[in-house]
Amino acid sequence: MLNCVIIDDEPLAREVLTGYLERVDYTKLAGNFSNAFDALQFLKSNTADVLFLDIEMPEMNGIDFLRSLPQPPITVFTTAFRDYAFEGFELGVIDFLLKPISRSRFLLSLEKIREFLALKTEGANIEIDHDTPGFIFVKSGVRRIKLYFEEVSHIQGLKDYAIIYTFDQRIVIKGSVKSMQEIFPETRFIRVHKSFIVAKDKIRRIEKNRIIINDHQIPIGRNYKDEVERKITSS
């Protein structure tokens, strides 16, 4: 059961998310708040597994609220402004829902959360054989997965973990994006954001400050933009 908290100053937005949560059998609405200050008081003495957090709120916005939490729960930003994805991913949010939020997109976000939590409990780690530079082994429980670099589309950092994406699976590893950057060869991969590494040959197009890989939209960080342009155009 996921204990969920909604924080949004728009009554209709809270009503929509509440309705979605009530129709899912593995979620429980633990708190529903119209402002960040009431939510802060609640979280001092209560726990939450997931925050559905609006960004544009009076007095204290969602970004400042999230920064104020010493150990924030898994967080999904809910907003009408797409550009906030940059700040969100730097703060370790797991997903970004653009208003008006459809039920199908909301359910995809919940599945992403459940998958992350399940994979995290497996405690996967990487085994490197320097004599075989084309792949690594990922050990998860009793399983050893042979992961070829060419199968990986991108890597996302989330708090103390890294999510490795291929076209048919996700693998959660304990470790930072920086540690992944040291493992995945720079001839194939490029860091495009504080929280993202992408495979150069998997990039299909770039739209403004976003890289599109299949249905994933990956932000290009402001501090990485020049390097991304240089490496992509020269590859």
Protein backbone atom coordinates (compact mmCIF):
# COMPACT_ATOMS: atom_id res chain seq x y z
CA MET A 1 0.00 0.00 0.00
CA LEU A 2 1.36 3.40 -1.01
CA ASN A 3 0.55 6.28 1.35
CA CYS A 4 0.07 9.29 -0.92
CA VAL A 5 -0.08 13.02 -0.20
CA ILE A 6 -1.50 15.63 -2.57
CA ILE A 7 -0.31 19.25 -2.33
CA ASP A 8 -1.98 21.66 -4.75
CA ASP A 9 -3.62 25.05 -4.34
CA GLU A 10 -6.19 24.29 -7.07
CA PRO A 11 -9.32 22.56 -5.67
CA LEU A 12 -10.14 20.93 -9.02
CA ALA A 13 -6.64 19.47 -9.34
CA ARG A 14 -6.88 17.97 -5.84
CA GLU A 15 -10.32 16.57 -6.65
CA VAL A 16 -9.09 14.92 -9.85
CA LEU A 17 -6.05 13.31 -8.20
CA THR A 18 -8.15 12.18 -5.23
CA GLY A 19 -10.58 10.48 -7.60
CA TYR A 20 -7.75 8.72 -9.41
CA LEU A 21 -6.21 7.46 -6.17
CA GLU A 22 -9.52 6.19 -4.82
CA ARG A 23 -9.86 3.90 -7.84
CA VAL A 24 -6.48 2.22 -7.29
CA ASP A 25 -6.47 -0.63 -4.77
CA TYR A 26 -2.83 -0.25 -3.71
CA THR A 27 -2.90 3.47 -2.86
CA LYS A 28 -4.19 5.32 0.20
CA LEU A 29 -4.72 9.08 0.41
CA ALA A 30 -2.89 10.00 3.60
CA GLY A 31 -3.14 13.79 3.20
CA ASN A 32 -4.67 16.41 0.93
CA PHE A 33 -3.40 19.99 1.27
CA SER A 34 -3.97 23.31 -0.45
CA ASN A 35 -0.64 24.80 0.66
CA ALA A 36 2.89 23.74 1.48
CA PHE A 37 2.88 24.94 5.09
CA ASP A 38 0.07 22.62 6.20
CA ALA A 39 1.79 19.76 4.39
CA LEU A 40 5.06 20.49 6.19
CA GLN A 41 3.32 20.28 9.56
CA PHE A 42 1.72 16.99 8.55
CA LEU A 43 4.98 15.43 7.42
CA LYS A 44 6.70 16.26 10.71
CA SER A 45 4.64 13.58 12.44
CA ASN A 46 3.41 11.42 9.56
CA THR A 47 5.05 9.44 6.80
CA ALA A 48 4.28 9.46 3.09
CA ASP A 49 5.51 7.15 0.37
CA VAL A 50 4.57 9.41 -2.55
CA LEU A 51 4.01 13.16 -2.97
CA PHE A 52 1.94 14.55 -5.81
CA LEU A 53 3.25 18.08 -5.66
CA ASP A 54 2.14 21.17 -7.54
CA ILE A 55 4.84 23.74 -8.31
CA GLU A 56 3.08 27.08 -8.75
CA MET A 57 1.63 27.76 -5.29
CA PRO A 58 1.46 31.04 -3.31
CA GLU A 59 3.88 31.81 -0.44
CA MET A 60 5.94 28.61 -0.85
CA ASN A 61 6.16 26.90 -4.22
CA GLY A 62 6.66 23.20 -4.76
CA ILE A 63 10.36 23.47 -5.56
CA ASP A 64 11.16 25.33 -2.33
CA PHE A 65 8.94 22.93 -0.40
CA LEU A 66 10.78 19.89 -1.75
CA ARG A 67 14.16 21.46 -1.01
CA SER A 68 13.05 22.03 2.60
CA LEU A 69 12.48 18.32 3.25
CA PRO A 70 15.52 16.52 4.72
CA GLN A 71 14.37 13.14 3.35
CA PRO A 72 11.66 13.71 0.76
CA PRO A 73 9.38 10.85 -0.28
CA ILE A 74 9.18 9.74 -3.89
CA THR A 75 7.84 12.84 -5.62
CA VAL A 76 5.80 13.45 -8.75
CA PHE A 77 5.53 17.06 -9.91
CA THR A 78 2.10 18.09 -11.16
CA THR A 79 2.08 21.36 -13.08
CA ALA A 80 0.81 23.20 -16.13
CA PHE A 81 4.33 24.41 -16.99
CA ARG A 82 6.55 22.00 -18.91
CA ASP A 83 9.77 23.95 -18.34
CA TYR A 84 9.82 23.05 -14.65
CA ALA A 85 10.98 19.55 -15.60
CA PHE A 86 14.57 20.81 -15.41
CA GLU A 87 14.36 21.77 -11.73
CA GLY A 88 12.32 18.69 -10.97
CA PHE A 89 14.80 16.15 -12.24
CA GLU A 90 17.64 17.96 -10.47
CA LEU A 91 15.69 17.51 -7.23
CA GLY A 92 15.28 13.80 -7.86
CA VAL A 93 11.59 13.65 -8.77
CA ILE A 94 10.56 10.39 -10.37
CA ASP A 95 8.01 11.78 -12.79
CA PHE A 96 6.46 14.96 -14.15
CA LEU A 97 2.73 15.12 -14.88
CA LEU A 98 1.51 17.92 -17.10
CA LYS A 99 -1.94 19.33 -16.35
CA PRO A 100 -4.65 18.51 -17.20
CA ILE A 101 -3.60 15.04 -16.05
CA SER A 102 -5.30 12.10 -17.73
CA ARG A 103 -6.06 8.97 -15.77
CA SER A 104 -4.00 6.82 -18.14
CA ARG A 105 -0.92 9.01 -17.68
CA PHE A 106 -1.48 9.05 -13.90
CA LEU A 107 -1.58 5.25 -13.81
CA LEU A 108 1.65 5.06 -15.81
CA SER A 109 3.28 7.23 -13.16
CA LEU A 110 2.08 4.92 -10.38
CA GLU A 111 3.43 1.90 -12.24
CA LYS A 112 6.77 3.64 -12.64
CA ILE A 113 6.85 4.23 -8.87
CA ARG A 114 5.93 0.63 -8.07
CA GLU A 115 8.51 -0.72 -10.48
CA PHE A 116 11.22 1.50 -9.01
CA LEU A 117 10.40 0.38 -5.45
CA ALA A 118 10.35 -3.28 -6.47
CA LEU A 119 13.64 -3.10 -8.34
CA LYS A 120 15.27 -1.13 -5.54
CA THR A 121 14.58 -3.93 -3.06
CA GLU A 122 16.43 -6.42 -5.28
CA GLY A 123 19.72 -4.67 -4.50
CA ALA A 124 21.27 -4.98 -7.95
CA ASN A 125 24.95 -4.17 -8.46
CA ILE A 126 27.34 -4.06 -11.37
CA GLU A 127 30.19 -6.44 -12.10
CA ILE A 128 32.80 -5.16 -14.54
CA ASP A 129 35.11 -7.37 -16.56
CA HIS A 130 37.72 -5.08 -18.10
CA ASP A 131 38.70 -7.79 -20.58
CA THR A 132 35.22 -7.63 -22.17
CA PRO A 133 34.60 -3.94 -22.86
CA GLY A 134 31.32 -4.40 -24.74
CA PHE A 135 29.15 -5.33 -21.77
CA ILE A 136 28.78 -5.54 -18.00
CA PHE A 137 27.06 -7.99 -15.68
CA VAL A 138 24.28 -6.79 -13.40
CA LYS A 139 23.80 -9.01 -10.37
CA SER A 140 20.32 -8.98 -8.81
CA GLY A 141 19.72 -11.61 -6.14
CA VAL A 142 20.69 -14.95 -7.65
CA ARG A 143 20.45 -13.60 -11.21
CA ARG A 144 23.32 -12.28 -13.31
CA ILE A 145 22.14 -10.22 -16.27
CA LYS A 146 24.51 -9.72 -19.18
CA LEU A 147 23.93 -6.13 -20.26
CA TYR A 148 25.46 -4.99 -23.55
CA PHE A 149 26.20 -1.27 -23.78
CA GLU A 150 24.47 -1.15 -27.15
CA GLU A 151 21.18 -2.16 -25.48
CA VAL A 152 21.11 0.85 -23.15
CA SER A 153 19.20 3.94 -24.25
CA HIS A 154 19.73 6.18 -21.21
CA ILE A 155 20.37 6.33 -17.48
CA GLN A 156 18.46 8.41 -14.94
CA GLY A 157 19.70 9.37 -11.50
CA LEU A 158 17.12 9.25 -8.71
CA LYS A 159 18.36 10.16 -5.24
CA ASP A 160 20.98 7.49 -4.38
CA TYR A 161 20.05 5.23 -7.26
CA ALA A 162 20.49 5.03 -11.02
CA ILE A 163 17.85 3.61 -13.35
CA ILE A 164 19.30 1.98 -16.46
CA TYR A 165 16.85 1.94 -19.38
CA THR A 166 16.91 -0.47 -22.28
CA PHE A 167 14.10 -0.76 -24.81
CA ASP A 168 12.49 -3.66 -22.95
CA GLN A 169 13.51 -3.35 -19.30
CA ARG A 170 14.65 -1.11 -16.45
CA ILE A 171 17.41 -1.94 -13.97
CA VAL A 172 17.85 -0.05 -10.70
CA ILE A 173 21.40 0.20 -9.36
CA LYS A 174 22.61 1.61 -6.07
CA GLY A 175 24.88 4.47 -7.12
CA SER A 176 25.07 7.97 -8.53
CA VAL A 177 24.95 9.23 -12.10
CA LYS A 178 28.60 10.19 -11.71
CA SER A 179 29.53 6.59 -10.87
CA MET A 180 27.57 5.39 -13.92
CA GLN A 181 29.44 7.89 -16.07
CA GLU A 182 32.69 6.21 -15.05
CA ILE A 183 31.37 2.77 -16.08
CA PHE A 184 29.58 3.52 -19.35
CA PRO A 185 32.14 4.45 -22.06
CA GLU A 186 32.21 8.07 -23.20
CA THR A 187 32.59 6.91 -26.79
CA ARG A 188 28.98 5.71 -26.62
CA PHE A 189 27.40 7.80 -23.86
CA ILE A 190 27.14 11.47 -22.99
CA ARG A 191 25.97 13.18 -19.85
CA VAL A 192 23.29 15.69 -20.82
CA HIS A 193 21.95 16.73 -17.42
CA LYS A 194 22.82 16.45 -13.75
CA SER A 195 20.49 13.45 -13.60
CA PHE A 196 20.77 11.92 -17.10
CA ILE A 197 23.20 10.07 -19.34
CA VAL A 198 22.11 9.10 -22.86
CA ALA A 199 23.44 6.78 -25.54
CA LYS A 200 24.44 8.98 -28.46
CA ASP A 201 23.29 6.51 -31.13
CA LYS A 202 19.81 6.23 -29.55
CA ILE A 203 19.01 9.94 -29.92
CA ARG A 204 16.29 10.33 -32.53
CA ARG A 205 15.83 14.09 -32.34
CA ILE A 206 16.41 17.15 -30.17
CA GLU A 207 13.57 19.63 -29.52
CA LYS A 208 14.71 22.86 -27.90
CA ASN A 209 16.16 21.69 -24.59
CA ARG A 210 14.91 18.10 -24.74
CA ILE A 211 16.26 14.89 -26.22
CA ILE A 212 13.65 12.46 -27.54
CA ILE A 213 14.32 8.73 -27.23
CA ASN A 214 11.19 6.75 -28.07
CA ASP A 215 8.54 8.02 -25.62
CA HIS A 216 11.10 9.47 -23.20
CA GLN A 217 11.72 13.21 -23.08
CA ILE A 218 15.08 13.88 -21.47
CA PRO A 219 16.02 17.42 -20.45
CA ILE A 220 19.32 18.96 -21.48
CA GLY A 221 20.80 20.81 -18.52
CA ARG A 222 21.88 24.40 -19.02
CA ASN A 223 25.44 23.60 -17.96
CA TYR A 224 25.64 20.70 -20.43
CA LYS A 225 24.07 22.28 -23.52
CA ASP A 226 27.28 23.42 -25.26
CA GLU A 227 29.02 20.10 -24.72
CA VAL A 228 25.96 18.18 -25.92
CA GLU A 229 25.82 20.19 -29.13
CA ARG A 230 29.52 19.73 -29.75
CA LYS A 231 29.57 15.98 -29.14
CA ILE A 232 26.34 15.22 -30.95
CA THR A 233 27.27 17.16 -34.09
CA SER A 234 30.75 15.61 -34.17
CA SER A 235 29.59 12.03 -33.66
